[in-house]
Protein backbone atom coordinates (compact mmCIF):
# COMPACT_ATOMS: atom_id res chain seq x y z
CA MET A 1 66.09 57.50 68.16
CA SER A 2 65.43 59.92 65.66
CA LYS A 3 68.56 61.16 63.70
CA LEU A 4 68.00 64.65 62.39
CA LYS A 5 69.86 65.55 58.61
CA LEU A 6 72.37 68.43 59.77
CA ILE A 7 75.06 67.57 59.91
CA ASP A 8 78.51 69.65 58.50
CA THR A 9 81.69 67.52 58.61
CA SER A 10 83.63 70.24 57.74
CA ARG A 11 86.40 71.36 59.73
CA PRO A 12 85.35 74.50 62.33
CA LYS A 13 86.40 78.00 61.10
CA GLY A 14 88.31 80.40 63.31
CA GLY A 15 85.92 81.36 65.24
CA GLU A 16 84.07 78.20 65.68
CA THR A 17 87.10 76.66 67.37
CA GLU A 18 87.87 75.35 71.13
CA LYS A 19 90.82 76.85 73.41
CA ILE A 20 92.82 74.46 75.21
CA THR A 21 95.74 74.83 77.37
CA ILE A 22 98.60 72.28 77.06
CA ASN A 23 101.67 71.96 79.57
CA LEU A 24 105.33 71.68 77.41
CA GLY A 25 108.37 70.97 78.92
CA PRO A 26 111.47 73.68 77.72
CA ILE A 27 113.04 71.33 75.52
CA ASP A 28 109.70 70.83 73.89
CA LEU A 29 108.89 74.13 73.63
CA GLY A 30 112.23 75.03 72.55
CA GLN A 31 112.29 72.54 69.30
CA ILE A 32 108.62 74.36 68.69
CA ASP A 33 110.33 77.66 68.68
CA LEU A 34 113.01 76.59 66.53
CA LEU A 35 110.90 74.59 63.74
CA VAL A 36 108.69 78.11 63.78
CA GLU A 37 111.59 80.37 63.85
CA GLU A 38 113.36 78.52 60.65
CA GLY A 39 109.81 78.76 58.80
CA PHE A 40 108.87 75.12 58.96
CA TYR A 41 105.46 76.77 60.79
CA SER A 42 103.82 80.14 61.23
CA ASN A 43 103.85 79.97 64.79
CA ARG A 44 103.39 77.86 67.73
CA THR A 45 99.66 77.02 66.41
CA ASP A 46 100.11 75.44 63.46
CA LEU A 47 102.77 73.40 64.36
CA ILE A 48 100.38 71.68 67.73
CA ARG A 49 97.62 71.66 65.15
CA THR A 50 99.51 69.66 62.44
CA ALA A 51 100.88 67.55 64.78
CA ILE A 52 97.49 66.69 66.10
CA ARG A 53 95.78 66.18 63.08
CA ASN A 54 99.17 64.35 61.95
CA GLN A 55 98.25 61.72 64.84
CA ILE A 56 94.14 61.75 64.40
CA ALA A 57 94.93 60.19 60.97
CA VAL A 58 97.62 57.69 62.56
CA HIS A 59 93.95 56.57 64.54
CA ALA A 60 91.57 57.35 61.52
CA GLN A 61 90.36 53.89 61.53
CA VAL A 62 89.96 53.04 65.33
CA VAL A 63 88.09 56.64 65.75
CA ALA A 64 85.84 55.64 62.36
CA GLU A 65 85.11 52.32 63.40
CA THR A 66 84.17 53.54 67.47
CA VAL A 67 82.11 56.21 65.93
CA THR A 68 79.95 53.34 63.68
CA ARG A 69 80.23 51.22 67.11
CA ARG A 70 78.64 54.28 69.17
CA ALA A 71 76.34 55.20 66.65
CA MET A 72 77.70 58.74 66.86
CA VAL A 73 77.38 61.70 64.69
CA LEU A 74 81.19 62.76 63.38
CA GLY A 75 81.10 66.55 62.48
CA MET A 76 78.77 69.29 63.52
CA GLN A 77 74.79 68.70 64.37
CA HIS A 78 72.66 71.44 65.20
CA PHE A 79 68.96 71.37 66.37
CA SER A 80 66.80 74.36 66.00
CA ARG A 81 63.55 75.04 67.81
CA GLN A 82 61.83 73.27 64.44
CA ASP A 83 63.64 70.18 64.40
CA LEU A 84 62.63 69.79 68.36
CA GLU A 85 59.29 70.77 67.90
CA ALA A 86 59.03 67.93 65.03
CA ALA A 87 60.38 65.72 67.32
CA GLN A 88 57.66 66.42 70.10
CA ALA A 89 54.93 66.18 67.63
CA ALA A 90 56.08 62.40 66.81
CA HIS A 91 56.45 61.68 69.94
CA GLU A 92 60.25 61.31 69.85
CA GLN A 93 63.21 61.46 72.52
CA LEU A 94 66.37 62.09 70.83
CA ASP A 95 69.71 60.57 71.78
CA ILE A 96 72.01 63.21 70.75
CA HIS A 97 75.99 61.45 70.39
CA VAL A 98 78.13 63.66 68.50
CA LEU A 99 81.95 63.56 68.14
CA GLY A 100 82.74 66.89 67.20
CA LEU A 101 80.26 69.82 67.79
CA ALA A 102 76.76 69.74 68.96
CA SER A 103 74.77 72.78 69.31
CA ILE A 104 70.95 74.15 70.37
CA ALA A 105 69.74 76.56 68.58
CA ALA A 106 69.65 79.98 71.00
CA ASP A 107 65.87 80.10 71.20
CA VAL A 108 64.91 76.85 71.97
CA PRO A 109 62.92 77.24 75.13
CA PRO A 110 64.48 74.93 78.15
CA GLU A 111 61.13 72.98 78.59
CA LEU A 112 61.19 71.71 74.94
CA ALA A 113 64.75 70.61 75.31
CA ALA A 114 63.86 68.48 78.26
CA ALA A 115 60.19 67.31 76.25
CA THR A 116 62.28 65.77 73.50
CA ILE A 117 66.36 65.23 74.30
CA ALA A 118 66.98 61.86 76.60
CA SER A 119 70.54 62.02 76.43
CA VAL A 120 73.76 64.18 75.08
CA VAL A 121 76.68 62.41 74.61
CA VAL A 122 79.42 65.06 73.26
CA LEU A 123 83.30 64.48 72.30
CA GLY A 124 84.10 67.61 71.90
CA ALA A 125 81.96 70.52 72.15
CA PHE A 126 78.47 71.46 73.59
CA HIS A 127 76.61 74.55 72.91
CA ALA A 128 73.55 75.42 74.17
CA SER A 129 71.88 78.20 76.22
CA PRO A 130 72.46 77.85 80.05
CA ALA A 131 69.09 77.24 80.80
CA VAL A 132 68.94 74.49 78.32
CA LYS A 133 71.78 72.81 79.80
CA ALA A 134 70.73 73.49 83.12
CA ALA A 135 67.14 71.50 81.73
CA LEU A 136 69.21 68.68 80.71
CA THR A 137 71.21 68.33 83.96
CA GLY A 138 71.50 64.58 84.42
CA ARG A 139 71.17 63.83 80.67
CA ILE A 140 74.44 65.27 79.60
CA SER A 141 77.43 62.97 79.93
């Protein structure tokens, strides 16, 4: 199992976020709207992001311990074609374990990904071409 060094633990920029949908009751939604209207938050999204970050901060120690125990990369990890070719030349199989964003470059052929990636475990988002994802079927969990 080899670890590559392209790790960015900064928060994603606007275009690098993932969209989620939540269902809220009318009372919760009304309270959110009231706080926005009163100027505590710029919009609903601002309040929800702040609430999520605060809740994650409450559990930061558990997250850190789990990331360490599971040997995960925390943040963003990108695999270029050159990274995978180097792994192939070294006869290495990569186990990709990321909490955040894992991505495989668009120019990576499916055959190279299949030859060099043993497993993919991502809590967050996994970006790769449809062909690479298809080549890794059964290895992504």
